[in-house]
PDB file of all heavy atoms in Angstrom:
ATOM      1  N   LEU A   1      -7.931   9.715 -26.330  1.00  0.00           N
ATOM      2  CA  LEU A   1      -7.946   8.377 -25.752  1.00  0.00           C
ATOM      3  C   LEU A   1      -9.103   8.250 -24.766  1.00  0.00           C
ATOM      4  O   LEU A   1      -9.558   9.250 -24.190  1.00  0.00           O
ATOM      5  CB  LEU A   1      -6.630   8.074 -25.032  1.00  0.00           C
ATOM      6  CG  LEU A   1      -5.351   7.974 -25.869  1.00  0.00           C
ATOM      7  CD1 LEU A   1      -4.155   7.707 -24.966  1.00  0.00           C
ATOM      8  CD2 LEU A   1      -5.467   6.896 -26.937  1.00  0.00           C
ATOM      9  N   ARG A   2      -9.528   7.019 -24.545  1.00  0.00           N
ATOM     10  CA  ARG A   2     -10.558   6.736 -23.549  1.00  0.00           C
ATOM     11  C   ARG A   2     -10.038   5.652 -22.611  1.00  0.00           C
ATOM     12  O   ARG A   2      -9.456   4.647 -23.048  1.00  0.00           O
ATOM     13  CB  ARG A   2     -11.850   6.266 -24.218  1.00  0.00           C
ATOM     14  CG  ARG A   2     -12.947   5.929 -23.214  1.00  0.00           C
ATOM     15  CD  ARG A   2     -14.327   5.740 -23.822  1.00  0.00           C
ATOM     16  NE  ARG A   2     -14.359   4.687 -24.826  1.00  0.00           N
ATOM     17  CZ  ARG A   2     -14.518   4.905 -26.125  1.00  0.00           C
ATOM     18  NH1 ARG A   2     -14.615   6.152 -26.582  1.00  0.00           N
ATOM     19  NH2 ARG A   2     -14.558   3.903 -26.980  1.00  0.00           N
ATOM     20  N   ILE A   3     -10.237   5.845 -21.320  1.00  0.00           N
ATOM     21  CA  ILE A   3      -9.852   4.855 -20.318  1.00  0.00           C
ATOM     22  C   ILE A   3     -10.976   3.840 -20.158  1.00  0.00           C
ATOM     23  O   ILE A   3     -12.116   4.207 -19.853  1.00  0.00           O
ATOM     24  CB  ILE A   3      -9.567   5.533 -18.961  1.00  0.00           C
ATOM     25  CG1 ILE A   3      -8.394   6.509 -19.067  1.00  0.00           C
ATOM     26  CG2 ILE A   3      -9.268   4.480 -17.897  1.00  0.00           C
ATOM     27  CD1 ILE A   3      -8.141   7.302 -17.795  1.00  0.00           C
ATOM     28  N   LEU A   4     -10.651   2.565 -20.360  1.00  0.00           N
ATOM     29  CA  LEU A   4     -11.626   1.507 -20.098  1.00  0.00           C
ATOM     30  C   LEU A   4     -11.602   1.097 -18.630  1.00  0.00           C
ATOM     31  O   LEU A   4     -12.646   0.762 -18.066  1.00  0.00           O
ATOM     32  CB  LEU A   4     -11.348   0.288 -20.977  1.00  0.00           C
ATOM     33  CG  LEU A   4     -11.432   0.486 -22.493  1.00  0.00           C
ATOM     34  CD1 LEU A   4     -11.274  -0.855 -23.201  1.00  0.00           C
ATOM     35  CD2 LEU A   4     -12.739   1.156 -22.891  1.00  0.00           C
ATOM     36  N   ALA A   5     -10.415   1.096 -18.044  1.00  0.00           N
ATOM     37  CA  ALA A   5     -10.290   0.755 -16.622  1.00  0.00           C
ATOM     38  C   ALA A   5      -8.928   1.185 -16.118  1.00  0.00           C
ATOM     39  O   ALA A   5      -7.933   1.108 -16.846  1.00  0.00           O
ATOM     40  CB  ALA A   5     -10.478  -0.738 -16.395  1.00  0.00           C
ATOM     41  N   THR A   6      -8.886   1.634 -14.881  1.00  0.00           N
ATOM     42  CA  THR A   6      -7.602   1.872 -14.222  1.00  0.00           C
ATOM     43  C   THR A   6      -7.181   0.565 -13.565  1.00  0.00           C
ATOM     44  O   THR A   6      -8.012  -0.248 -13.173  1.00  0.00           O
ATOM     45  CB  THR A   6      -7.708   2.986 -13.176  1.00  0.00           C
ATOM     46  OG1 THR A   6      -8.714   2.634 -12.210  1.00  0.00           O
ATOM     47  CG2 THR A   6      -8.097   4.302 -13.844  1.00  0.00           C
ATOM     48  N   VAL A   7      -5.884   0.357 -13.460  1.00  0.00           N
ATOM     49  CA  VAL A   7      -5.359  -0.919 -12.968  1.00  0.00           C
ATOM     50  C   VAL A   7      -5.142  -0.849 -11.461  1.00  0.00           C
ATOM     51  O   VAL A   7      -4.425   0.030 -10.977  1.00  0.00           O
ATOM     52  CB  VAL A   7      -4.054  -1.283 -13.692  1.00  0.00           C
ATOM     53  CG1 VAL A   7      -3.445  -2.552 -13.104  1.00  0.00           C
ATOM     54  CG2 VAL A   7      -4.324  -1.472 -15.186  1.00  0.00           C
ATOM     55  N   GLY A   8      -5.763  -1.776 -10.746  1.00  0.00           N
ATOM     56  CA  GLY A   8      -5.634  -1.800  -9.294  1.00  0.00           C
ATOM     57  C   GLY A   8      -6.988  -1.871  -8.619  1.00  0.00           C
ATOM     58  O   GLY A   8      -8.029  -2.064  -9.265  1.00  0.00           O
ATOM     59  N   ALA A   9      -6.966  -1.668  -7.325  1.00  0.00           N
ATOM     60  CA  ALA A   9      -8.192  -1.814  -6.535  1.00  0.00           C
ATOM     61  C   ALA A   9      -9.071  -0.569  -6.559  1.00  0.00           C
ATOM     62  O   ALA A   9     -10.288  -0.670  -6.391  1.00  0.00           O
ATOM     63  CB  ALA A   9      -7.830  -2.169  -5.096  1.00  0.00           C
ATOM     64  N   GLU A  10      -8.468   0.613  -6.781  1.00  0.00           N
ATOM     65  CA  GLU A  10      -9.223   1.857  -6.627  1.00  0.00           C
ATOM     66  C   GLU A  10      -9.223   2.675  -7.908  1.00  0.00           C
ATOM     67  O   GLU A  10      -8.292   2.599  -8.725  1.00  0.00           O
ATOM     68  CB  GLU A  10      -8.619   2.689  -5.490  1.00  0.00           C
ATOM     69  CG  GLU A  10      -8.654   1.991  -4.136  1.00  0.00           C
ATOM     70  CD  GLU A  10      -7.996   2.817  -3.053  1.00  0.00           C
ATOM     71  OE1 GLU A  10      -7.465   3.907  -3.381  1.00  0.00           O
ATOM     72  OE2 GLU A  10      -8.017   2.377  -1.894  1.00  0.00           O
ATOM     73  N   ALA A  11     -10.261   3.476  -8.061  1.00  0.00           N
ATOM     74  CA  ALA A  11     -10.346   4.410  -9.192  1.00  0.00           C
ATOM     75  C   ALA A  11      -9.420   5.602  -8.927  1.00  0.00           C
ATOM     76  O   ALA A  11      -8.968   5.820  -7.805  1.00  0.00           O
ATOM     77  CB  ALA A  11     -11.788   4.884  -9.378  1.00  0.00           C
ATOM     78  N   TRP A  12      -9.149   6.358  -9.980  1.00  0.00           N
ATOM     79  CA  TRP A  12      -8.282   7.533  -9.853  1.00  0.00           C
ATOM     80  C   TRP A  12      -9.125   8.779  -9.572  1.00  0.00           C
ATOM     81  O   TRP A  12     -10.152   8.999 -10.235  1.00  0.00           O
ATOM     82  CB  TRP A  12      -7.531   7.780 -11.151  1.00  0.00           C
ATOM     83  CG  TRP A  12      -6.533   6.736 -11.527  1.00  0.00           C
ATOM     84  CD1 TRP A  12      -6.091   5.700 -10.763  1.00  0.00           C
ATOM     85  CD2 TRP A  12      -5.861   6.640 -12.782  1.00  0.00           C
ATOM     86  NE1 TRP A  12      -5.177   4.965 -11.456  1.00  0.00           N
ATOM     87  CE2 TRP A  12      -5.009   5.512 -12.696  1.00  0.00           C
ATOM     88  CE3 TRP A  12      -5.885   7.392 -13.960  1.00  0.00           C
ATOM     89  CZ2 TRP A  12      -4.208   5.123 -13.761  1.00  0.00           C
ATOM     90  CZ3 TRP A  12      -5.083   7.005 -15.010  1.00  0.00           C
ATOM     91  CH2 TRP A  12      -4.249   5.877 -14.907  1.00  0.00           C
ATOM     92  N   PRO A  13      -8.693   9.623  -8.655  1.00  0.00           N
ATOM     93  CA  PRO A  13      -9.416  10.885  -8.438  1.00  0.00           C
ATOM     94  C   PRO A  13      -9.349  11.802  -9.649  1.00  0.00           C
ATOM     95  O   PRO A  13     -10.244  12.613  -9.866  1.00  0.00           O
ATOM     96  CB  PRO A  13      -8.706  11.493  -7.222  1.00  0.00           C
ATOM     97  CG  PRO A  13      -7.385  10.805  -7.151  1.00  0.00           C
ATOM     98  CD  PRO A  13      -7.591   9.435  -7.700  1.00  0.00           C
ATOM     99  N   GLN A  14      -8.292  11.663 -10.480  1.00  0.00           N
ATOM    100  CA  GLN A  14      -8.174  12.506 -11.684  1.00  0.00           C
ATOM    101  C   GLN A  14      -9.240  12.159 -12.721  1.00  0.00           C
ATOM    102  O   GLN A  14      -9.675  13.020 -13.486  1.00  0.00           O
ATOM    103  CB  GLN A  14      -6.783  12.345 -12.321  1.00  0.00           C
ATOM    104  CG  GLN A  14      -5.643  12.848 -11.472  1.00  0.00           C
ATOM    105  CD  GLN A  14      -5.095  11.759 -10.564  1.00  0.00           C
ATOM    106  OE1 GLN A  14      -5.749  10.762 -10.283  1.00  0.00           O
ATOM    107  NE2 GLN A  14      -3.869  11.953 -10.098  1.00  0.00           N
ATOM    108  N   PHE A  15      -9.642  10.884 -12.780  1.00  0.00           N
ATOM    109  CA  PHE A  15     -10.651  10.419 -13.735  1.00  0.00           C
ATOM    110  C   PHE A  15     -11.624   9.511 -12.992  1.00  0.00           C
ATOM    111  O   PHE A  15     -11.640   8.291 -13.193  1.00  0.00           O
ATOM    112  CB  PHE A  15      -9.991   9.673 -14.906  1.00  0.00           C
ATOM    113  CG  PHE A  15      -8.984  10.501 -15.664  1.00  0.00           C
ATOM    114  CD1 PHE A  15      -7.625  10.368 -15.418  1.00  0.00           C
ATOM    115  CD2 PHE A  15      -9.399  11.433 -16.609  1.00  0.00           C
ATOM    116  CE1 PHE A  15      -6.696  11.127 -16.111  1.00  0.00           C
ATOM    117  CE2 PHE A  15      -8.482  12.203 -17.301  1.00  0.00           C
ATOM    118  CZ  PHE A  15      -7.126  12.054 -17.052  1.00  0.00           C
ATOM    119  N   PRO A  16     -12.453  10.091 -12.130  1.00  0.00           N
ATOM    120  CA  PRO A  16     -13.294   9.291 -11.225  1.00  0.00           C
ATOM    121  C   PRO A  16     -14.345   8.426 -11.917  1.00  0.00           C
ATOM    122  O   PRO A  16     -14.824   7.455 -11.332  1.00  0.00           O
ATOM    123  CB  PRO A  16     -13.954  10.356 -10.335  1.00  0.00           C
ATOM    124  CG  PRO A  16     -13.883  11.621 -11.124  1.00  0.00           C
ATOM    125  CD  PRO A  16     -12.623  11.536 -11.923  1.00  0.00           C
ATOM    126  N   SER A  17     -14.692   8.760 -13.155  1.00  0.00           N
ATOM    127  CA  SER A  17     -15.720   7.971 -13.844  1.00  0.00           C
ATOM    128  C   SER A  17     -15.166   6.669 -14.416  1.00  0.00           C
ATOM    129  O   SER A  17     -15.936   5.777 -14.795  1.00  0.00           O
ATOM    130  CB  SER A  17     -16.350   8.791 -14.977  1.00  0.00           C
ATOM    131  OG  SER A  17     -15.379   9.139 -15.945  1.00  0.00           O
ATOM    132  N   ALA A  18     -13.844   6.542 -14.484  1.00  0.00           N
ATOM    133  CA  ALA A  18     -13.237   5.314 -15.025  1.00  0.00           C
ATOM    134  C   ALA A  18     -13.202   4.245 -13.941  1.00  0.00           C
ATOM    135  O   ALA A  18     -12.639   4.465 -12.874  1.00  0.00           O
ATOM    136  CB  ALA A  18     -11.829   5.601 -15.531  1.00  0.00           C
ATOM    137  N   PRO A  19     -13.787   3.074 -14.176  1.00  0.00           N
ATOM    138  CA  PRO A  19     -13.771   2.010 -13.161  1.00  0.00           C
ATOM    139  C   PRO A  19     -12.388   1.385 -13.039  1.00  0.00           C
ATOM    140  O   PRO A  19     -11.524   1.560 -13.897  1.00  0.00           O
ATOM    141  CB  PRO A  19     -14.775   0.998 -13.712  1.00  0.00           C
ATOM    142  CG  PRO A  19     -14.681   1.169 -15.196  1.00  0.00           C
ATOM    143  CD  PRO A  19     -14.439   2.638 -15.423  1.00  0.00           C
ATOM    144  N   SER A  20     -12.182   0.633 -11.967  1.00  0.00           N
ATOM    145  CA  SER A  20     -10.903  -0.051 -11.763  1.00  0.00           C
ATOM    146  C   SER A  20     -11.031  -1.520 -12.145  1.00  0.00           C
ATOM    147  O   SER A  20     -12.132  -2.082 -12.186  1.00  0.00           O
ATOM    148  CB  SER A  20     -10.471   0.063 -10.306  1.00  0.00           C
ATOM    149  OG  SER A  20     -11.344  -0.689  -9.476  1.00  0.00           O
ATOM    150  N   THR A  21      -9.879  -2.146 -12.418  1.00  0.00           N
ATOM    151  CA  THR A  21      -9.893  -3.585 -12.691  1.00  0.00           C
ATOM    152  C   THR A  21     -10.331  -4.354 -11.446  1.00  0.00           C
ATOM    153  O   THR A  21     -10.963  -5.410 -11.554  1.00  0.00           O
ATOM    154  CB  THR A  21      -8.506  -4.075 -13.136  1.00  0.00           C
ATOM    155  OG1 THR A  21      -7.525  -3.676 -12.167  1.00  0.00           O
ATOM    156  CG2 THR A  21      -8.129  -3.502 -14.494  1.00  0.00           C
ATOM    157  N   GLY A  22     -10.025  -3.817 -10.271  1.00  0.00           N
ATOM    158  CA  GLY A  22     -10.450  -4.463  -9.042  1.00  0.00           C
ATOM    159  C   GLY A  22     -11.959  -4.541  -8.933  1.00  0.00           C
ATOM    160  O   GLY A  22     -12.504  -5.520  -8.413  1.00  0.00           O
ATOM    161  N   ALA A  23     -12.648  -3.520  -9.441  1.00  0.00           N
ATOM    162  CA  ALA A  23     -14.108  -3.512  -9.405  1.00  0.00           C
ATOM    163  C   ALA A  23     -14.693  -4.609 -10.281  1.00  0.00           C
ATOM    164  O   ALA A  23     -15.847  -5.025 -10.085  1.00  0.00           O
ATOM    165  CB  ALA A  23     -14.636  -2.151  -9.848  1.00  0.00           C
ATOM    166  N   SER A  24     -13.906  -5.081 -11.243  1.00  0.00           N
ATOM    167  CA  SER A  24     -14.343  -6.181 -12.114  1.00  0.00           C
ATOM    168  C   SER A  24     -13.887  -7.538 -11.589  1.00  0.00           C
ATOM    169  O   SER A  24     -14.043  -8.557 -12.274  1.00  0.00           O
ATOM    170  CB  SER A  24     -13.793  -5.978 -13.528  1.00  0.00           C
ATOM    171  OG  SER A  24     -14.302  -4.789 -14.100  1.00  0.00           O
ATOM    172  N   GLY A  25     -13.311  -7.539 -10.387  1.00  0.00           N
ATOM    173  CA  GLY A  25     -12.884  -8.785  -9.781  1.00  0.00           C
ATOM    174  C   GLY A  25     -11.559  -9.316 -10.281  1.00  0.00           C
ATOM    175  O   GLY A  25     -11.235 -10.488 -10.070  1.00  0.00           O
ATOM    176  N   LEU A  26     -10.762  -8.454 -10.930  1.00  0.00           N
ATOM    177  CA  LEU A  26      -9.479  -8.874 -11.487  1.00  0.00           C
ATOM    178  C   LEU A  26      -8.343  -8.444 -10.570  1.00  0.00           C
ATOM    179  O   LEU A  26      -8.255  -7.274 -10.191  1.00  0.00           O
ATOM    180  CB  LEU A  26      -9.277  -8.273 -12.871  1.00  0.00           C
ATOM    181  CG  LEU A  26     -10.263  -8.723 -13.954  1.00  0.00           C
ATOM    182  CD1 LEU A  26     -10.092  -7.886 -15.212  1.00  0.00           C
ATOM    183  CD2 LEU A  26     -10.063 -10.200 -14.266  1.00  0.00           C
ATOM    184  N   ASN A  27      -7.462  -9.361 -10.245  1.00  0.00           N
ATOM    185  CA  ASN A  27      -6.314  -9.069  -9.391  1.00  0.00           C
ATOM    186  C   ASN A  27      -5.096  -8.787 -10.275  1.00  0.00           C
ATOM    187  O   ASN A  27      -4.171  -9.600 -10.350  1.00  0.00           O
ATOM    188  CB  ASN A  27      -6.033 -10.242  -8.450  1.00  0.00           C
ATOM    189  CG  ASN A  27      -4.857  -9.979  -7.530  1.00  0.00           C
ATOM    190  OD1 ASN A  27      -4.538  -8.832  -7.226  1.00  0.00           O
ATOM    191  ND2 ASN A  27      -4.207 -11.037  -7.093  1.00  0.00           N
ATOM    192  N   VAL A  28      -5.117  -7.649 -10.949  1.00  0.00           N
ATOM    193  CA  VAL A  28      -3.993  -7.290 -11.809  1.00  0.00           C
ATOM    194  C   VAL A  28      -2.920  -6.619 -10.950  1.00  0.00           C
ATOM    195  O   VAL A  28      -1.832  -7.138 -10.774  1.00  0.00           O
ATOM    196  CB  VAL A  28      -4.431  -6.389 -12.976  1.00  0.00           C
ATOM    197  CG1 VAL A  28      -3.245  -6.069 -13.874  1.00  0.00           C
ATOM    198  CG2 VAL A  28      -5.539  -7.064 -13.773  1.00  0.00           C
ATOM    199  N   GLY A  29      -3.230  -5.466 -10.396  1.00  0.00           N
ATOM    200  CA  GLY A  29      -2.407  -4.849  -9.368  1.00  0.00           C
ATOM    201  C   GLY A  29      -0.946  -4.643  -9.697  1.00  0.00           C
ATOM    202  O   GLY A  29      -0.104  -4.706  -8.809  1.00  0.00           O
ATOM    203  N   VAL A  30      -0.603  -4.409 -10.963  1.00  0.00           N
ATOM    204  CA  VAL A  30       0.782  -4.117 -11.328  1.00  0.00           C
ATOM    205  C   VAL A  30       0.978  -2.609 -11.247  1.00  0.00           C
ATOM    206  O   VAL A  30       0.205  -1.846 -11.830  1.00  0.00           O
ATOM    207  CB  VAL A  30       1.111  -4.618 -12.743  1.00  0.00           C
ATOM    208  CG1 VAL A  30       2.575  -4.355 -13.082  1.00  0.00           C
ATOM    209  CG2 VAL A  30       0.802  -6.106 -12.856  1.00  0.00           C
ATOM    210  N   LEU A  31       2.029  -2.188 -10.535  1.00  0.00           N
ATOM    211  CA  LEU A  31       2.228  -0.769 -10.286  1.00  0.00           C
ATOM    212  C   LEU A  31       3.648  -0.365 -10.661  1.00  0.00           C
ATOM    213  O   LEU A  31       4.596  -0.660  -9.927  1.00  0.00           O
ATOM    214  CB  LEU A  31       1.979  -0.457  -8.810  1.00  0.00           C
ATOM    215  CG  LEU A  31       2.042   1.009  -8.393  1.00  0.00           C
ATOM    216  CD1 LEU A  31       0.934   1.814  -9.064  1.00  0.00           C
ATOM    217  CD2 LEU A  31       1.942   1.125  -6.872  1.00  0.00           C
ATOM    218  N   PRO A  32       3.847   0.287 -11.810  1.00  0.00           N
ATOM    219  CA  PRO A  32       5.189   0.762 -12.159  1.00  0.00           C
ATOM    220  C   PRO A  32       5.709   1.750 -11.115  1.00  0.00           C
ATOM    221  O   PRO A  32       4.947   2.550 -10.567  1.00  0.00           O
ATOM    222  CB  PRO A  32       4.976   1.456 -13.510  1.00  0.00           C
ATOM    223  CG  PRO A  32       3.747   0.827 -14.071  1.00  0.00           C
ATOM    224  CD  PRO A  32       2.875   0.552 -12.883  1.00  0.00           C
ATOM    225  N   TRP A  33       7.019   1.693 -10.856  1.00  0.00           N
ATOM    226  CA  TRP A  33       7.622   2.563  -9.851  1.00  0.00           C
ATOM    227  C   TRP A  33       9.003   3.007 -10.296  1.00  0.00           C
ATOM    228  O   TRP A  33       9.597   2.445 -11.212  1.00  0.00           O
ATOM    229  CB  TRP A  33       7.712   1.865  -8.498  1.00  0.00           C
ATOM    230  CG  TRP A  33       8.252   0.461  -8.515  1.00  0.00           C
ATOM    231  CD1 TRP A  33       7.534  -0.696  -8.496  1.00  0.00           C
ATOM    232  CD2 TRP A  33       9.639   0.056  -8.571  1.00  0.00           C
ATOM    233  NE1 TRP A  33       8.370  -1.793  -8.537  1.00  0.00           N
ATOM    234  CE2 TRP A  33       9.673  -1.360  -8.579  1.00  0.00           C
ATOM    235  CE3 TRP A  33      10.852   0.756  -8.617  1.00  0.00           C
ATOM    236  CZ2 TRP A  33      10.856  -2.093  -8.641  1.00  0.00           C
ATOM    237  CZ3 TRP A  33      12.047   0.033  -8.668  1.00  0.00           C
ATOM    238  CH2 TRP A  33      12.032  -1.372  -8.678  1.00  0.00           C
ATOM    239  N   THR A  34       9.497   4.049  -9.627  1.00  0.00           N
ATOM    240  CA  THR A  34      10.895   4.454  -9.763  1.00  0.00           C
ATOM    241  C   THR A  34      11.564   4.281  -8.411  1.00  0.00           C
ATOM    242  O   THR A  34      10.935   4.476  -7.362  1.00  0.00           O
ATOM    243  CB  THR A  34      11.048   5.917 -10.219  1.00  0.00           C
ATOM    244  OG1 THR A  34      10.570   6.790  -9.182  1.00  0.00           O
ATOM    245  CG2 THR A  34      10.291   6.179 -11.505  1.00  0.00           C
ATOM    246  N   GLY A  35      12.848   3.904  -8.435  1.00  0.00           N
ATOM    247  CA  GLY A  35      13.546   3.712  -7.181  1.00  0.00           C
ATOM    248  C   GLY A  35      15.051   3.767  -7.355  1.00  0.00           C
ATOM    249  O   GLY A  35      15.568   3.723  -8.476  1.00  0.00           O
ATOM    250  N   ALA A  36      15.744   3.868  -6.225  1.00  0.00           N
ATOM    251  CA  ALA A  36      17.203   3.996  -6.215  1.00  0.00           C
ATOM    252  C   ALA A  36      17.844   2.764  -5.593  1.00  0.00           C
ATOM    253  O   ALA A  36      17.338   2.216  -4.599  1.00  0.00           O
ATOM    254  CB  ALA A  36      17.607   5.245  -5.422  1.00  0.00           C
ATOM    255  N   PHE A  37      18.977   2.354  -6.191  1.00  0.00           N
ATOM    256  CA  PHE A  37      19.721   1.180  -5.733  1.00  0.00           C
ATOM    257  C   PHE A  37      21.214   1.490  -5.739  1.00  0.00           C
ATOM    258  O   PHE A  37      21.678   2.311  -6.535  1.00  0.00           O
ATOM    259  CB  PHE A  37      19.474  -0.016  -6.658  1.00  0.00           C
ATOM    260  CG  PHE A  37      18.051  -0.475  -6.723  1.00  0.00           C
ATOM    261  CD1 PHE A  37      17.116   0.194  -7.512  1.00  0.00           C
ATOM    262  CD2 PHE A  37      17.631  -1.574  -6.006  1.00  0.00           C
ATOM    263  CE1 PHE A  37      15.797  -0.223  -7.579  1.00  0.00           C
ATOM    264  CE2 PHE A  37      16.313  -2.010  -6.063  1.00  0.00           C
ATOM    265  CZ  PHE A  37      15.392  -1.331  -6.852  1.00  0.00           C
ATOM    266  N   VAL A  38      21.953   0.797  -4.893  1.00  0.00           N
ATOM    267  CA  VAL A  38      23.417   0.896  -4.858  1.00  0.00           C
ATOM    268  C   VAL A  38      23.989  -0.519  -4.871  1.00  0.00           C
ATOM    269  O   VAL A  38      23.253  -1.494  -4.655  1.00  0.00           O
ATOM    270  CB  VAL A  38      23.911   1.656  -3.608  1.00  0.00           C
ATOM    271  CG1 VAL A  38      23.555   3.129  -3.691  1.00  0.00           C
ATOM    272  CG2 VAL A  38      23.359   1.016  -2.334  1.00  0.00           C
ATOM    273  N   PRO A  39      25.306  -0.662  -5.116  1.00  0.00           N
ATOM    274  CA  PRO A  39      25.917  -1.992  -5.009  1.00  0.00           C
ATOM    275  C   PRO A  39      25.652  -2.602  -3.642  1.00  0.00           C
ATOM    276  O   PRO A  39      25.633  -1.901  -2.626  1.00  0.00           O
ATOM    277  CB  PRO A  39      27.406  -1.707  -5.218  1.00  0.00           C
ATOM    278  CG  PRO A  39      27.438  -0.460  -6.048  1.00  0.00           C
ATOM    279  CD  PRO A  39      26.277   0.357  -5.571  1.00  0.00           C
ATOM    280  N   PHE A  40      25.475  -3.923  -3.613  1.00  0.00           N
ATOM    281  CA  PHE A  40      25.039  -4.594  -2.389  1.00  0.00           C
ATOM    282  C   PHE A  40      25.979  -4.363  -1.204  1.00  0.00           C
ATOM    283  O   PHE A  40      25.533  -4.254  -0.065  1.00  0.00           O
ATOM    284  CB  PHE A  40      24.883  -6.099  -2.638  1.00  0.00           C
ATOM    285  CG  PHE A  40      24.356  -6.834  -1.445  1.00  0.00           C
ATOM    286  CD1 PHE A  40      23.001  -6.821  -1.160  1.00  0.00           C
ATOM    287  CD2 PHE A  40      25.213  -7.519  -0.582  1.00  0.00           C
ATOM    288  CE1 PHE A  40      22.503  -7.489  -0.044  1.00  0.00           C
ATOM    289  CE2 PHE A  40      24.723  -8.181   0.533  1.00  0.00           C
ATOM    290  CZ  PHE A  40      23.364  -8.165   0.797  1.00  0.00           C
ATOM    291  N   ASP A  41      27.283  -4.290  -1.461  1.00  0.00           N
ATOM    292  CA  ASP A  41      28.257  -4.179  -0.373  1.00  0.00           C
ATOM    293  C   ASP A  41      28.531  -2.737   0.070  1.00  0.00           C
ATOM    294  O   ASP A  41      29.534  -2.491   0.752  1.00  0.00           O
ATOM    295  CB  ASP A  41      29.580  -4.834  -0.787  1.00  0.00           C
ATOM    296  CG  ASP A  41      29.450  -6.342  -0.914  1.00  0.00           C
ATOM    297  OD1 ASP A  41      28.613  -6.918  -0.203  1.00  0.00           O
ATOM    298  OD2 ASP A  41      30.168  -6.932  -1.746  1.00  0.00           O
ATOM    299  N   THR A  42      27.672  -1.814  -0.304  1.00  0.00           N
ATOM    300  CA  THR A  42      27.861  -0.424   0.113  1.00  0.00           C
ATOM    301  C   THR A  42      27.925  -0.330   1.642  1.00  0.00           C
ATOM    302  O   THR A  42      27.127  -0.938   2.352  1.00  0.00           O
ATOM    303  CB  THR A  42      26.717   0.455  -0.428  1.00  0.00           C
ATOM    304  OG1 THR A  42      26.737   0.402  -1.858  1.00  0.00           O
ATOM    305  CG2 THR A  42      26.869   1.903   0.012  1.00  0.00           C
ATOM    306  N   GLN A  43      28.882   0.468   2.131  1.00  0.00           N
ATOM    307  CA  GLN A  43      29.143   0.536   3.571  1.00  0.00           C
ATOM    308  C   GLN A  43      27.915   1.053   4.339  1.00  0.00           C
ATOM    309  O   GLN A  43      27.194   1.926   3.863  1.00  0.00           O
ATOM    310  CB  GLN A  43      30.341   1.469   3.832  1.00  0.00           C
ATOM    311  CG  GLN A  43      31.606   1.031   3.120  1.00  0.00           C
ATOM    312  CD  GLN A  43      32.220   2.148   2.288  1.00  0.00           C
ATOM    313  OE1 GLN A  43      31.675   3.228   2.175  1.00  0.00           O
ATOM    314  NE2 GLN A  43      33.359   1.859   1.685  1.00  0.00           N
ATOM    315  N   PRO A  44      27.697   0.525   5.552  1.00  0.00           N
ATOM    316  CA  PRO A  44      26.523   0.920   6.348  1.00  0.00           C
ATOM    317  C   PRO A  44      26.427   2.420   6.590  1.00  0.00           C
ATOM    318  O   PRO A  44      25.333   2.993   6.529  1.00  0.00           O
ATOM    319  CB  PRO A  44      26.715   0.156   7.659  1.00  0.00           C
ATOM    320  CG  PRO A  44      27.520  -1.036   7.283  1.00  0.00           C
ATOM    321  CD  PRO A  44      28.451  -0.564   6.201  1.00  0.00           C
ATOM    322  N   ASN A  45      27.561   3.092   6.859  1.00  0.00           N
ATOM    323  CA  ASN A  45      27.490   4.538   7.127  1.00  0.00           C
ATOM    324  C   ASN A  45      27.073   5.313   5.876  1.00  0.00           C
ATOM    325  O   ASN A  45      26.352   6.312   5.956  1.00  0.00           O
ATOM    326  CB  ASN A  45      28.831   5.055   7.651  1.00  0.00           C
ATOM    327  CG  ASN A  45      29.960   4.920   6.635  1.00  0.00           C
ATOM    328  OD1 ASN A  45      30.147   3.843   6.056  1.00  0.00           O
ATOM    329  ND2 ASN A  45      30.718   5.988   6.414  1.00  0.00           N
ATOM    330  N   VAL A  46      27.496   4.827   4.710  1.00  0.00           N
ATOM    331  CA  VAL A  46      27.095   5.464   3.454  1.00  0.00           C
ATOM    332  C   VAL A  46      25.610   5.219   3.205  1.00  0.00           C
ATOM    333  O   VAL A  46      24.881   6.125   2.773  1.00  0.00           O
ATOM    334  CB  VAL A  46      27.946   4.936   2.282  1.00  0.00           C
ATOM    335  CG1 VAL A  46      27.439   5.476   0.954  1.00  0.00           C
ATOM    336  CG2 VAL A  46      29.410   5.316   2.486  1.00  0.00           C
TER     337      VAL A  46
END
């Protein structure tokens, strides 16, 4: 595979030669994440 652009404002240190979408003036900036959630009424001490 070849990277045309990394998504966001900055290039990746792992592949520094690949430009970012931010460098092309594009405000894409979508960042997948993982996170934890509980039911809304979970007790404060918990």
